[in-house]
Protein backbone atom coordinates (compact mmCIF):
# COMPACT_ATOMS: atom_id res chain seq x y z
CA MET A 1 -19.99 -70.76 -23.96
CA GLU A 2 -16.48 -71.87 -23.75
CA GLU A 3 -14.96 -68.42 -23.51
CA ALA A 4 -17.21 -67.62 -20.92
CA GLN A 5 -16.57 -70.94 -19.09
CA ARG A 6 -12.76 -69.88 -19.58
CA GLY A 7 -13.32 -66.29 -18.25
CA PHE A 8 -14.83 -67.82 -15.29
CA VAL A 9 -11.83 -69.96 -14.68
CA LEU A 10 -9.19 -67.30 -15.03
CA LEU A 11 -12.00 -64.90 -12.20
CA GLU A 12 -11.71 -68.09 -10.25
CA ILE A 13 -7.79 -68.03 -10.48
CA ALA A 14 -7.38 -64.19 -9.57
CA VAL A 15 -10.35 -64.75 -6.62
CA THR A 16 -8.25 -67.43 -5.16
CA LYS A 17 -4.76 -65.40 -5.42
CA ARG A 18 -7.11 -62.61 -4.06
CA ILE A 19 -8.52 -64.50 -0.89
CA GLN A 20 -5.02 -65.49 -0.01
CA LEU A 21 -4.10 -62.11 0.26
CA LEU A 22 -7.34 -61.35 1.85
CA ARG A 23 -6.30 -63.90 4.68
CA LYS A 24 -3.40 -62.51 5.32
CA ASP A 25 -4.94 -58.63 5.89
CA SER A 26 -8.40 -59.89 7.12
CA SER A 27 -7.81 -57.04 10.08
CA ASN A 28 -7.20 -54.53 7.78
CA PRO A 29 -10.32 -53.05 6.08
CA GLN A 30 -8.27 -50.69 3.95
CA ARG A 31 -6.24 -53.38 2.59
CA ILE A 32 -9.45 -55.39 2.08
CA ARG A 33 -10.41 -52.43 0.10
CA ILE A 34 -7.28 -52.62 -2.28
CA HIS A 35 -7.58 -56.23 -2.73
CA LEU A 36 -11.28 -56.38 -3.33
CA GLY A 37 -10.29 -52.92 -6.17
CA ARG A 38 -7.94 -55.32 -7.85
CA ILE A 39 -10.63 -58.19 -9.21
CA ASP A 40 -13.74 -55.30 -9.94
CA ARG A 41 -14.78 -52.03 -7.96
CA THR A 42 -18.66 -52.97 -8.90
CA HIS A 43 -20.80 -53.69 -5.82
CA SER A 44 -22.53 -56.72 -7.75
CA GLN A 45 -19.77 -58.53 -8.74
CA ARG A 46 -18.25 -58.42 -5.19
CA LYS A 47 -21.51 -60.04 -3.80
CA VAL A 48 -21.12 -62.71 -6.65
CA ILE A 49 -17.41 -63.10 -5.11
CA PHE A 50 -18.53 -63.40 -1.47
CA GLU A 51 -21.44 -65.95 -2.25
CA MET A 52 -18.76 -68.03 -3.96
CA ARG A 53 -16.81 -68.34 -0.95
CA ALA A 54 -19.16 -67.66 1.98
CA ASP A 55 -17.95 -71.17 3.43
CA THR A 56 -14.16 -69.96 3.99
CA GLU A 57 -13.32 -68.90 7.28
CA ILE A 58 -12.46 -65.09 6.03
CA GLY A 59 -16.04 -64.46 4.63
CA THR A 60 -17.89 -63.11 7.45
CA THR A 61 -14.61 -60.79 8.07
CA VAL A 62 -14.60 -59.82 4.70
CA GLN A 63 -18.06 -58.70 4.44
CA GLU A 64 -17.92 -56.95 7.77
CA SER A 65 -15.17 -55.24 6.60
CA LEU A 66 -16.16 -53.68 3.54
CA SER A 67 -19.10 -52.63 5.27
CA ARG A 68 -16.77 -50.34 7.22
CA VAL A 69 -15.01 -48.93 4.05
CA SER A 70 -18.01 -48.67 1.75
CA PRO A 71 -19.18 -44.82 1.53
CA PRO A 72 -22.77 -44.98 3.01
CA THR A 73 -25.27 -43.57 0.60
CA ARG A 74 -26.32 -39.94 0.93
CA SER A 75 -29.03 -37.79 -0.26
CA PHE A 76 -28.19 -35.43 -2.86
CA PRO A 77 -28.92 -32.28 -0.33
CA LYS A 78 -26.87 -33.66 2.47
CA THR A 79 -24.18 -34.02 -0.56
CA ILE A 80 -24.58 -30.19 -1.29
CA ALA A 81 -24.50 -29.29 2.67
CA LEU A 82 -21.40 -31.39 2.75
CA THR A 83 -19.39 -29.64 -0.15
CA ILE A 84 -20.22 -26.16 1.32
CA VAL A 85 -18.78 -27.09 4.66
CA GLY A 86 -15.77 -28.37 3.04
CA THR A 87 -15.79 -25.17 1.08
CA ILE A 88 -15.79 -23.23 4.14
CA ILE A 89 -13.19 -25.47 6.13
CA PRO A 90 -11.31 -26.99 3.03
CA GLY A 91 -10.47 -31.21 4.31
CA LEU A 92 -13.84 -31.33 6.34
CA GLY A 93 -15.90 -32.91 3.70
CA LEU A 94 -12.87 -34.89 2.25
CA LEU A 95 -12.97 -36.32 5.76
CA VAL A 96 -16.40 -37.23 5.67
CA ALA A 97 -15.81 -38.88 2.19
CA ARG A 98 -13.17 -40.70 3.78
CA ARG A 99 -10.62 -39.29 1.57
CA ARG A 100 -8.16 -39.01 4.96
CA ARG A 101 -4.90 -38.21 3.70
CA LEU A 102 -6.15 -35.46 1.03
CA GLY A 103 -8.29 -34.36 3.71
CA ALA A 104 -6.17 -34.15 6.65
CA ALA A 105 -3.46 -32.01 4.62
CA ALA A 106 -6.14 -29.96 3.38
CA LEU A 107 -7.19 -28.87 6.83
CA LEU A 108 -4.02 -28.81 7.80
CA ALA A 109 -2.89 -26.28 5.13
CA PHE A 110 -6.28 -24.46 6.40
CA LEU A 111 -5.42 -24.00 9.80
CA LEU A 112 -1.91 -22.46 9.27
CA LEU A 113 -3.35 -20.17 7.14
CA LEU A 114 -6.28 -19.39 9.67
CA ALA A 115 -2.96 -19.28 12.06
CA GLY A 116 -1.17 -16.70 9.88
CA THR A 117 -3.54 -14.57 9.19
CA ALA A 118 -4.73 -14.03 12.61
CA TYR A 119 -1.02 -13.07 13.60
CA LEU A 120 -0.88 -10.67 11.07
CA ALA A 121 -4.10 -8.87 11.96
CA ILE A 122 -3.12 -9.10 15.84
CA ALA A 123 0.07 -9.32 15.97
CA GLY A 124 1.65 -8.64 13.04
CA ARG A 125 0.67 -5.38 11.27
CA ARG A 126 3.76 -3.93 11.10
CA MET A 127 4.82 -6.86 9.25
CA ALA A 128 2.26 -7.04 6.56
CA LEU A 129 2.64 -3.02 5.65
CA ARG A 130 6.19 -3.57 5.75
CA TRP A 131 5.61 -6.23 2.56
CA ALA A 132 3.21 -3.87 1.10
CA VAL A 133 5.80 -1.96 0.33
CA GLN A 134 8.46 -4.02 -1.25
CA PRO A 135 8.36 -5.27 -4.58
CA ASP A 136 9.92 -8.52 -3.97
CA ALA A 137 7.52 -9.15 -1.46
CA LEU A 138 4.56 -7.97 -3.19
CA LEU A 139 5.20 -10.76 -6.10
CA LEU A 140 5.46 -13.53 -3.93
CA ILE A 141 2.36 -12.37 -2.55
CA ALA A 142 0.58 -12.27 -5.75
CA VAL A 143 1.94 -15.72 -6.72
CA PHE A 144 0.92 -17.22 -2.97
CA PHE A 145 -2.88 -15.71 -3.51
CA ALA A 146 -2.92 -17.10 -7.05
CA LEU A 147 -1.67 -20.69 -5.96
CA LEU A 148 -4.32 -20.28 -2.94
CA ALA A 149 -6.95 -19.93 -5.46
CA LEU A 150 -5.85 -22.93 -7.40
CA GLY A 151 -5.57 -25.43 -4.15
CA TRP A 152 -8.83 -24.41 -3.14
CA PHE A 153 -10.53 -24.62 -6.15
CA VAL A 154 -9.26 -28.20 -6.56
CA VAL A 155 -10.72 -28.79 -2.89
CA ILE A 156 -13.66 -27.65 -3.78
CA VAL A 157 -14.26 -29.48 -6.83
CA THR A 158 -12.84 -33.15 -5.02
CA THR A 159 -14.69 -32.40 -2.37
CA TYR A 160 -18.31 -32.57 -4.22
CA ARG A 161 -16.75 -35.28 -6.62
CA SER A 162 -16.28 -37.90 -3.61
CA LEU A 163 -19.28 -37.24 -1.99
CA ARG A 164 -22.27 -36.97 -4.77
CA PRO A 165 -24.58 -40.00 -5.35
CA ARG A 166 -23.80 -41.97 -8.12
CA SER A 167 -27.22 -42.54 -8.76
CA ALA A 168 -28.31 -38.77 -8.96
CA ARG A 169 -30.76 -37.77 -11.68
CA TRP A 170 -29.49 -35.52 -14.15
CA TYR A 171 -31.36 -32.20 -12.76
CA SER A 172 -29.56 -33.26 -9.25
CA ARG A 173 -26.04 -33.22 -10.88
CA LEU A 174 -26.69 -29.85 -13.20
CA THR A 175 -27.68 -28.43 -9.43
CA GLY A 176 -24.42 -29.53 -8.28
CA VAL A 177 -22.73 -28.21 -10.74
CA VAL A 178 -24.24 -24.78 -10.50
CA VAL A 179 -23.30 -24.49 -6.69
CA VAL A 180 -19.80 -25.69 -7.03
CA ALA A 181 -19.30 -23.19 -9.73
CA ALA A 182 -20.97 -20.45 -7.36
CA LEU A 183 -18.40 -21.81 -4.82
CA VAL A 184 -15.54 -21.74 -6.57
CA LEU A 185 -16.36 -18.17 -7.64
CA ALA A 186 -17.10 -16.86 -4.01
CA VAL A 187 -13.50 -18.30 -2.88
CA THR A 188 -11.33 -17.48 -5.66
CA THR A 189 -12.60 -13.93 -6.70
CA PRO A 190 -11.55 -12.01 -3.46
CA LEU A 191 -8.02 -14.18 -4.08
CA GLY A 192 -7.92 -13.07 -7.43
CA ILE A 193 -8.38 -9.43 -6.35
CA GLY A 194 -5.60 -9.44 -3.63
CA SER A 195 -3.20 -11.12 -6.15
CA LYS A 196 -4.03 -8.09 -8.95
CA TYR A 197 -3.67 -5.60 -5.43
CA ALA A 198 -0.47 -6.88 -5.05
CA LEU A 199 0.68 -6.49 -8.72
CA VAL A 200 -1.02 -3.24 -8.94
CA GLN A 201 0.82 -2.00 -5.63
CA ARG A 202 4.22 -3.57 -6.92
CA SER A 203 3.58 -1.49 -9.96
CA VAL A 204 3.22 1.94 -7.83
CA ILE A 205 6.49 0.93 -5.91
CA GLU A 206 8.76 0.67 -8.80
CA GLN A 207 7.17 3.60 -10.80
CA VAL A 208 7.39 6.11 -8.09
CA PHE A 209 9.59 4.71 -5.67
CA ALA A 210 11.95 2.44 -6.85
CA ARG A 211 13.06 5.28 -9.46
CA ALA A 212 14.56 7.40 -6.76
CA ASP A 213 17.13 4.26 -6.18
CA ASN A 214 18.06 4.60 -9.79
CA GLN A 215 17.95 8.26 -10.52
CA HIS A 216 19.55 8.78 -13.60
CA VAL A 217 22.61 11.38 -13.44
CA SER A 218 23.52 12.66 -17.07
CA PRO A 219 27.15 12.95 -17.62
CA GLU A 220 26.99 16.45 -18.82
CA ARG A 221 25.27 17.66 -15.65
CA ALA A 222 27.55 15.82 -13.30
CA ALA A 223 30.80 17.26 -14.67
CA ALA A 224 29.26 20.74 -14.42
CA ALA A 225 28.47 20.28 -10.89
CA ALA A 226 31.84 19.02 -10.21
CA SER A 227 33.73 21.98 -11.76
CA SER A 228 31.78 24.35 -10.14
CA SER A 229 32.02 23.00 -6.96
CA THR A 230 36.00 22.63 -7.43
CA ALA A 231 36.03 26.42 -8.38
CA SER A 232 34.07 27.64 -5.60
CA PRO A 233 36.16 28.48 -2.80
CA SER A 234 33.33 29.15 -0.38
CA THR A 235 32.62 25.05 0.04
CA PRO A 236 33.26 23.98 2.95
CA PRO A 237 35.99 20.87 3.52
CA GLY A 238 34.56 17.51 3.40
CA THR A 239 31.23 18.78 2.12
CA SER A 240 29.83 18.06 -1.39
CA PRO A 241 27.70 20.90 -2.30
CA SER A 242 26.02 18.86 -5.12
CA ALA A 243 24.97 16.36 -2.87
CA SER A 244 21.60 15.76 -1.96
CA PRO A 245 20.61 17.38 1.32
CA GLY A 246 19.09 13.65 2.25
CA ALA A 247 22.02 11.63 0.96
CA ASN A 248 23.02 10.80 4.68
CA ALA A 249 19.37 9.66 5.39
CA VAL A 250 19.76 7.40 1.82
CA ALA A 251 23.07 6.29 2.86
CA HIS A 252 21.35 4.41 6.26
CA ALA A 253 17.97 3.10 4.13
CA SER A 254 19.86 -0.05 3.59
CA GLN A 255 20.45 -0.62 7.20
CA PRO A 256 18.15 -2.67 10.10
CA ASP A 257 17.53 0.99 11.45
CA ALA A 258 17.07 3.45 8.70
CA TRP A 259 17.31 6.30 10.91
CA ALA A 260 20.01 4.94 12.90
CA GLY A 261 22.01 8.21 14.90
CA ARG A 262 18.81 10.68 13.31
CA ASP A 263 16.36 11.82 15.74
CA ARG A 264 14.25 13.34 13.14
CA VAL A 265 13.58 13.31 9.07
CA ASN A 266 12.60 16.32 6.70
CA ILE A 267 10.19 16.01 4.57
CA LEU A 268 9.68 19.14 1.94
CA LEU A 269 5.90 18.58 0.63
CA LEU A 270 5.28 20.14 -2.69
CA GLY A 271 2.20 21.19 -4.33
CA GLY A 272 2.35 22.46 -8.03
CA ASP A 273 0.43 21.97 -11.49
CA GLY A 274 2.80 19.75 -13.02
CA GLY A 275 5.69 16.77 -12.66
CA PRO A 276 8.91 17.13 -12.76
CA ASP A 277 9.35 16.86 -16.79
CA ARG A 278 6.95 19.76 -17.11
CA VAL A 279 7.65 23.26 -17.92
CA GLY A 280 6.27 26.46 -16.29
CA VAL A 281 5.38 24.84 -12.86
CA ARG A 282 5.07 27.17 -9.94
CA THR A 283 4.84 25.75 -6.08
CA ASP A 284 1.56 26.76 -4.61
CA THR A 285 1.98 25.12 -1.49
CA VAL A 286 5.67 24.63 0.20
CA ILE A 287 5.08 22.67 3.70
CA VAL A 288 7.98 21.27 5.38
CA ALA A 289 7.04 17.93 7.58
CA SER A 290 9.93 17.45 10.25
CA ILE A 291 9.13 14.25 11.99
CA ASP A 292 10.49 12.83 15.18
CA THR A 293 11.82 9.51 14.63
CA ARG A 294 10.97 7.68 17.89
CA THR A 295 7.46 9.02 18.67
CA GLY A 296 6.07 10.22 15.14
CA ASN A 297 5.41 13.54 16.86
CA THR A 298 5.40 15.78 13.24
CA VAL A 299 5.72 19.40 13.02
CA LEU A 300 4.49 21.11 9.95
CA PHE A 301 6.14 24.28 8.77
CA SER A 302 4.06 26.06 5.53
CA LEU A 303 6.27 28.61 4.35
CA PRO A 304 4.27 31.75 2.50
CA ARG A 305 4.69 31.40 -1.62
CA ASN A 306 5.64 35.08 -1.78
CA LEU A 307 8.55 34.99 0.53
CA GLN A 308 11.36 36.44 -0.83
CA LYS A 309 14.95 36.98 -0.56
CA VAL A 310 15.32 33.18 0.36
CA PRO A 311 19.20 31.94 1.40
CA PHE A 312 19.98 28.45 0.15
CA GLN A 313 21.37 25.82 2.01
CA PRO A 314 24.87 26.75 3.16
CA GLY A 315 27.45 24.99 1.27
CA SER A 316 25.07 24.13 -1.57
CA VAL A 317 25.83 24.62 -4.85
CA LEU A 318 22.98 27.21 -5.32
CA ALA A 319 24.55 29.02 -1.86
CA ASN A 320 27.60 29.29 -4.12
CA ALA A 321 25.50 30.40 -7.41
CA TYR A 322 23.69 33.62 -6.25
CA PRO A 323 25.37 36.23 -4.55
CA ASP A 324 25.41 36.13 -0.84
CA GLY A 325 23.53 32.57 -1.10
CA VAL A 326 20.25 34.44 -1.59
CA PHE A 327 17.70 34.17 -4.56
CA ALA A 328 17.04 37.86 -5.27
CA GLY A 329 17.59 39.95 -8.33
CA ARG A 330 16.28 42.82 -10.31
CA GLY A 331 12.89 42.94 -12.24
CA ASP A 332 9.45 41.55 -11.69
CA GLN A 333 9.53 40.44 -7.75
CA LEU A 334 7.03 37.82 -8.79
CA GLU A 335 9.75 36.04 -10.52
CA TRP A 336 12.32 36.14 -7.06
CA MET A 337 9.67 34.60 -4.77
CA LEU A 338 9.81 31.13 -3.30
CA THR A 339 6.80 30.18 -5.48
CA ALA A 340 9.54 30.68 -8.62
CA ILE A 341 12.21 29.09 -7.41
CA TYR A 342 11.31 25.68 -9.04
CA GLU A 343 11.16 26.68 -12.38
CA ASN A 344 13.57 29.76 -12.37
CA VAL A 345 16.72 28.26 -10.53
CA PRO A 346 16.97 25.25 -13.00
CA ALA A 347 16.55 27.75 -15.78
CA GLN A 348 19.05 30.28 -14.63
CA HIS A 349 21.39 27.39 -13.72
CA PRO A 350 20.93 24.23 -15.78
CA ARG A 351 24.23 22.88 -15.23
CA LEU A 352 24.79 22.74 -11.78
CA PHE A 353 22.56 19.85 -10.67
CA THR A 354 23.06 15.75 -10.90
CA THR A 355 19.39 14.72 -10.38
CA ASP A 356 16.13 14.51 -13.13
CA ASN A 357 14.01 16.92 -10.88
CA PRO A 358 16.30 20.00 -10.67
CA GLY A 359 13.80 22.00 -9.47
CA ALA A 360 12.58 19.78 -6.69
CA GLU A 361 16.27 19.96 -5.51
CA ALA A 362 16.24 24.07 -5.92
CA MET A 363 13.18 23.99 -3.51
CA LYS A 364 14.86 21.43 -1.05
CA MET A 365 17.84 23.83 -0.86
CA ALA A 366 15.48 26.91 -0.46
CA ALA A 367 13.39 25.05 2.16
CA ALA A 368 17.08 24.22 4.03
CA GLY A 369 17.98 27.45 3.94
CA ALA A 370 14.82 29.65 4.99
CA LEU A 371 14.19 27.12 8.05
CA GLY A 372 17.59 26.30 9.10
CA ILE A 373 17.25 22.33 9.60
CA PRO A 374 18.20 19.86 6.43
CA ILE A 375 15.80 18.36 3.84
CA ASP A 376 16.28 14.54 3.25
CA TYR A 377 13.32 14.30 0.87
CA TYR A 378 10.59 15.50 -1.15
CA MET A 379 7.23 14.77 -2.45
CA LEU A 380 5.55 16.68 -5.54
CA VAL A 381 2.00 16.25 -5.63
CA ASN A 382 0.66 17.33 -9.14
CA LEU A 383 -2.18 19.60 -8.19
CA ARG A 384 -3.64 18.97 -11.72
CA GLY A 385 -4.51 15.08 -10.37
CA PHE A 386 -5.02 16.08 -6.71
CA GLU A 387 -8.90 15.63 -6.86
CA GLN A 388 -8.18 12.48 -8.73
CA LEU A 389 -6.56 11.27 -5.22
CA ILE A 390 -9.40 12.84 -2.89
CA ASP A 391 -12.07 11.10 -5.17
CA ALA A 392 -10.51 7.64 -4.72
CA LEU A 393 -10.29 8.40 -1.12
CA GLY A 394 -14.29 8.93 -1.12
CA GLY A 395 -13.15 12.38 -0.35
CA ILE A 396 -12.76 14.26 2.67
CA ILE A 397 -14.31 16.09 5.66
CA VAL A 398 -13.50 19.38 7.08
CA ASN A 399 -14.67 22.37 8.59
CA ILE A 400 -15.31 25.38 6.78
CA ASN A 401 -14.92 28.50 9.01
CA TYR A 402 -15.77 30.96 6.19
CA PRO A 403 -16.84 30.87 2.45
CA VAL A 404 -14.04 29.58 -0.02
CA ALA A 405 -14.15 30.89 -3.43
CA ILE A 406 -14.35 28.52 -6.18
CA GLY A 407 -12.12 29.99 -8.95
CA GLY A 408 -11.76 33.94 -9.24
CA GLU A 409 -8.90 36.15 -9.42
CA ALA A 410 -8.59 39.51 -7.97
CA ASP A 411 -6.08 41.34 -9.77
CA ALA A 412 -7.80 40.49 -13.06
CA GLY A 413 -11.29 41.27 -12.02
CA LEU A 414 -12.61 38.18 -12.56
CA LYS A 415 -15.27 36.58 -10.22
CA PRO A 416 -15.65 33.21 -9.08
CA HIS A 417 -17.55 30.45 -10.40
CA GLY A 418 -18.93 29.45 -6.74
CA TRP A 419 -18.31 29.48 -3.35
CA LEU A 420 -17.94 26.35 -0.65
CA LYS A 421 -20.47 27.18 2.02
CA LYS A 422 -19.46 27.63 5.60
CA GLY A 423 -20.17 25.14 7.80
CA PRO A 424 -18.59 21.76 10.15
CA ASP A 425 -17.95 18.47 8.81
CA GLN A 426 -18.14 19.74 5.18
CA HIS A 427 -17.96 16.13 2.92
CA LEU A 428 -15.82 17.76 -0.17
CA ASP A 429 -15.11 15.90 -3.46
CA GLY A 430 -11.98 16.42 -4.98
CA PHE A 431 -12.83 19.34 -6.80
CA ASN A 432 -14.16 21.31 -3.67
CA ALA A 433 -11.01 19.99 -1.72
CA LEU A 434 -8.77 21.18 -4.79
CA TRP A 435 -10.23 24.45 -4.54
CA PHE A 436 -10.53 24.42 -0.53
CA ALA A 437 -6.70 24.37 -0.74
CA ARG A 438 -5.96 26.57 -3.22
CA GLY A 439 -9.02 29.16 -3.11
CA ARG A 440 -7.10 32.75 -3.04
CA TYR A 441 -10.10 35.36 -3.94
CA GLY A 442 -10.96 37.20 -0.95
CA ALA A 443 -8.79 35.49 1.13
CA SER A 444 -4.95 35.63 2.14
CA ASP A 445 -2.36 33.68 1.85
CA TRP A 446 -2.05 32.85 5.42
CA ASP A 447 -5.59 31.57 5.39
CA ARG A 448 -4.84 29.37 2.35
CA MET A 449 -1.90 27.98 4.28
CA GLU A 450 -4.08 27.37 7.21
CA ARG A 451 -6.73 25.36 4.83
CA GLN A 452 -3.90 23.26 3.66
CA ARG A 453 -2.73 21.73 6.27
CA CYS A 454 -6.37 21.21 7.49
CA VAL A 455 -6.55 19.35 4.32
CA ILE A 456 -3.40 17.00 5.41
CA LYS A 457 -4.57 16.19 8.55
CA ALA A 458 -7.82 15.03 6.81
CA ILE A 459 -5.96 12.74 4.43
CA ILE A 460 -3.73 11.27 7.31
CA TYR A 461 -6.55 10.69 9.55
CA GLN A 462 -9.29 9.70 7.23
CA ALA A 463 -7.93 7.42 4.93
CA ASP A 464 -8.93 4.64 6.70
CA PRO A 465 -7.85 0.84 5.64
CA PHE A 466 -11.37 -0.45 4.37
CA THR A 467 -11.49 3.28 2.30
CA VAL A 468 -8.29 2.41 0.84
CA LEU A 469 -8.67 -1.31 0.36
CA THR A 470 -12.33 -0.93 -1.43
CA ARG A 471 -11.15 1.98 -3.79
CA TYR A 472 -7.35 0.94 -4.06
CA GLU A 473 -7.15 0.47 -7.65
CA ALA A 474 -8.04 4.16 -8.18
CA LEU A 475 -6.15 5.22 -5.61
CA ALA A 476 -2.89 3.45 -6.76
CA ARG A 477 -3.54 4.59 -10.29
CA SER A 478 -4.01 8.17 -9.42
CA SER A 479 -0.93 8.27 -7.04
CA LYS A 480 1.20 7.08 -10.05
CA ASP A 481 -0.05 10.06 -12.06
CA ILE A 482 0.14 13.03 -9.48
CA LEU A 483 3.14 11.88 -7.07
CA TYR A 484 6.96 12.39 -7.68
CA THR A 485 8.98 11.76 -5.26
CA ASP A 486 12.92 11.10 -4.58
CA ILE A 487 12.05 8.64 -1.52
CA PRO A 488 13.84 5.18 -2.40
CA ALA A 489 11.78 2.21 -2.63
CA SER A 490 14.43 0.68 -0.08
CA VAL A 491 13.48 3.57 2.64
CA LEU A 492 9.98 2.83 2.25
CA PRO A 493 9.89 0.02 5.21
CA ALA A 494 11.11 2.75 7.39
CA PHE A 495 8.51 5.14 6.93
CA VAL A 496 5.89 2.18 7.16
CA ASP A 497 7.22 2.34 10.85
CA LEU A 498 7.06 6.16 11.05
CA ALA A 499 3.59 6.24 9.85
CA LEU A 500 2.20 3.63 12.62
CA LYS A 501 3.89 6.30 15.23
CA ILE A 502 2.26 8.77 13.46
CA LYS A 503 -1.19 7.70 13.32
CA ASP A 504 -1.30 5.51 16.71
CA THR A 505 0.87 7.76 19.17
CA GLY A 506 2.00 11.16 17.05
CA SER A 507 0.88 14.21 17.77
CA LEU A 508 0.41 17.01 14.57
CA THR A 509 1.16 20.50 15.52
CA SER A 510 2.17 23.12 12.68
CA ILE A 511 4.11 26.25 12.92
CA VAL A 512 2.39 29.82 11.33
CA PHE A 513 4.63 32.00 9.94
CA THR A 514 2.16 34.91 10.04
CA ARG A 515 2.68 38.78 9.33
CA LYS A 516 2.85 39.70 13.04
CA VAL A 517 6.20 37.31 12.63
CA ILE A 518 7.88 38.26 9.36
CA LYS A 519 7.71 40.56 6.33
CA THR A 520 7.63 38.66 3.19
CA SER A 521 9.11 41.08 1.04
CA ASN A 522 12.18 41.39 3.83
CA PRO A 523 12.15 38.51 6.36
CA ASP A 524 13.95 37.86 9.28
CA TYR A 525 15.45 34.42 8.53
CA PRO A 526 17.32 34.23 11.94
CA LEU A 527 14.16 34.54 13.71
CA ILE A 528 12.38 31.71 11.62
CA HIS A 529 15.42 29.79 12.52
CA SER A 530 14.58 30.61 16.24
CA MET A 531 11.22 29.57 16.08
CA VAL A 532 11.83 25.86 14.41
CA GLN A 533 14.56 25.05 16.60
CA ASN A 534 11.73 25.77 19.77
CA ALA A 535 8.89 24.36 17.93
CA LEU A 536 11.22 21.00 17.06
CA ILE A 537 12.08 20.78 20.88
CA ALA A 538 8.99 21.78 22.63
CA LYS A 539 6.65 19.24 24.07
CA PRO A 540 3.58 18.44 21.98
CA ASP A 541 1.15 19.77 24.41
CA SER A 542 3.31 22.65 25.08
CA THR A 543 0.96 25.84 24.79
CA GLY A 544 3.96 28.39 25.73
CA SER A 545 4.54 29.69 21.87
CA ASP A 546 2.23 31.75 20.43
CA PHE A 547 3.29 31.04 17.25
CA THR A 548 2.88 26.80 17.79
CA ASP A 549 -0.66 25.61 16.02
CA PRO A 550 -1.81 22.33 16.93
CA LEU A 551 -4.10 20.98 14.05
CA GLU A 552 -6.65 20.34 16.13
CA ASP A 553 -7.72 23.66 17.00
CA ALA A 554 -6.65 25.33 13.69
CA CYS A 555 -8.85 23.14 12.06
CA ALA A 556 -11.56 22.88 14.38
CA TYR A 557 -15.20 24.85 13.23
CA LYS A 558 -15.55 28.31 14.76
CA PRO A 559 -18.95 29.50 14.42
């Protein structure tokens, strides 16, 4: 009893002290709440305190203030509804629960996020795509998504805990836990996937493109190339014969405008059955894409695989290594065709190259010599993995104007395994798209070259953002396995700008070197050079040349 009496006296002293503070802050409801909380936070003891001091002049004021700051009693369904609203609009539920500072901070952060997203979607597409090809930016994006998921998780849980009724029954509490867990998963799962995709994209850039920034040059190859260029009297002054034709383009990569002073960028597209570290590669597909850096207008030049007497780029190490700078010799002429350069030239002159992919470098010099234009970069697609790429895109749709063989070899007397049927708007999976591009049985190389250009067109125009997003991981995984290039990661933002121009406003035209124009066994290369120059200066809608082949017409269905 004495102990209880003593406790009551201590309580009276604490109450007296706190009443003095309440008198001072009687007009501030938030301060009243703090003072009362220092005594005890339970409603029953607060009621006793007010009864004990009911005759004081501030009793009524304190009681009214407490009713204003105390949260009203809510039903459980209303709590769940407010939690859902607070998840969709972070901070709103906290404001209802009178967690004003935290709620205002969460709501402000959400509004800023919403504004930033709207800007990127409406006016910042170029910026967003540039971020998507920069490894450092991708790492920051991955971290940002992870932190955003964590922050949203905290807001959802805090909102529910602040709103839930304290007297809820056990099954209501269990239901609340399930609802909160579902809301957390609904919000954090997309953010987690976004963070993962950013890291996957970063891995692609580092493995496919960034390695071009730091291509390994063996000391032996560098020394051999240097000695070869020194010994050659035909090397023009001021020219480095061992330099890549795209060296100037690489030099501009770090500048704000990577194409400063360059009207066009020329990319060699190769299709083979292997990568740069494999032996026995034959490049069945050789296409040069010449892109106008101002407009995005693109011209595709397809070179026949059986092209012979190919001249190498003047001043290059290969122009000095072969008689008259021409890839020609005795024996089986198949070994002296364009398709054999990737494999045979490095085998014949293994010490002339300073890159990790001498076959691709030789093909760049050959394409530059054949077309009379410099080649800046190459991209090699391993056709053994090409079907993976098409499958990752969900297939392509093309017009098939005649049956195309699947397999088969006429010279060996081998019949095709099947046929791709003629018809408009045919949907092809990876396997069938590969044979549509490569099938030769019963068709000429010219037919095959035309189909390959149509496949490129289909990939460019049918790779919509939704398809790429939903299949991104598979697409990225296949890209790492099938794509090899010397395009450095530092120049990728500039290529993003070019890609937008090509897709939005650019035209796509192809030049066909048919049998009416050239004889593959003895081509007229000055005529080819003239055709190339005329195509590059012609207007996109020009029909003055008999050899200009707009892909819309070439790939249209002709019943």
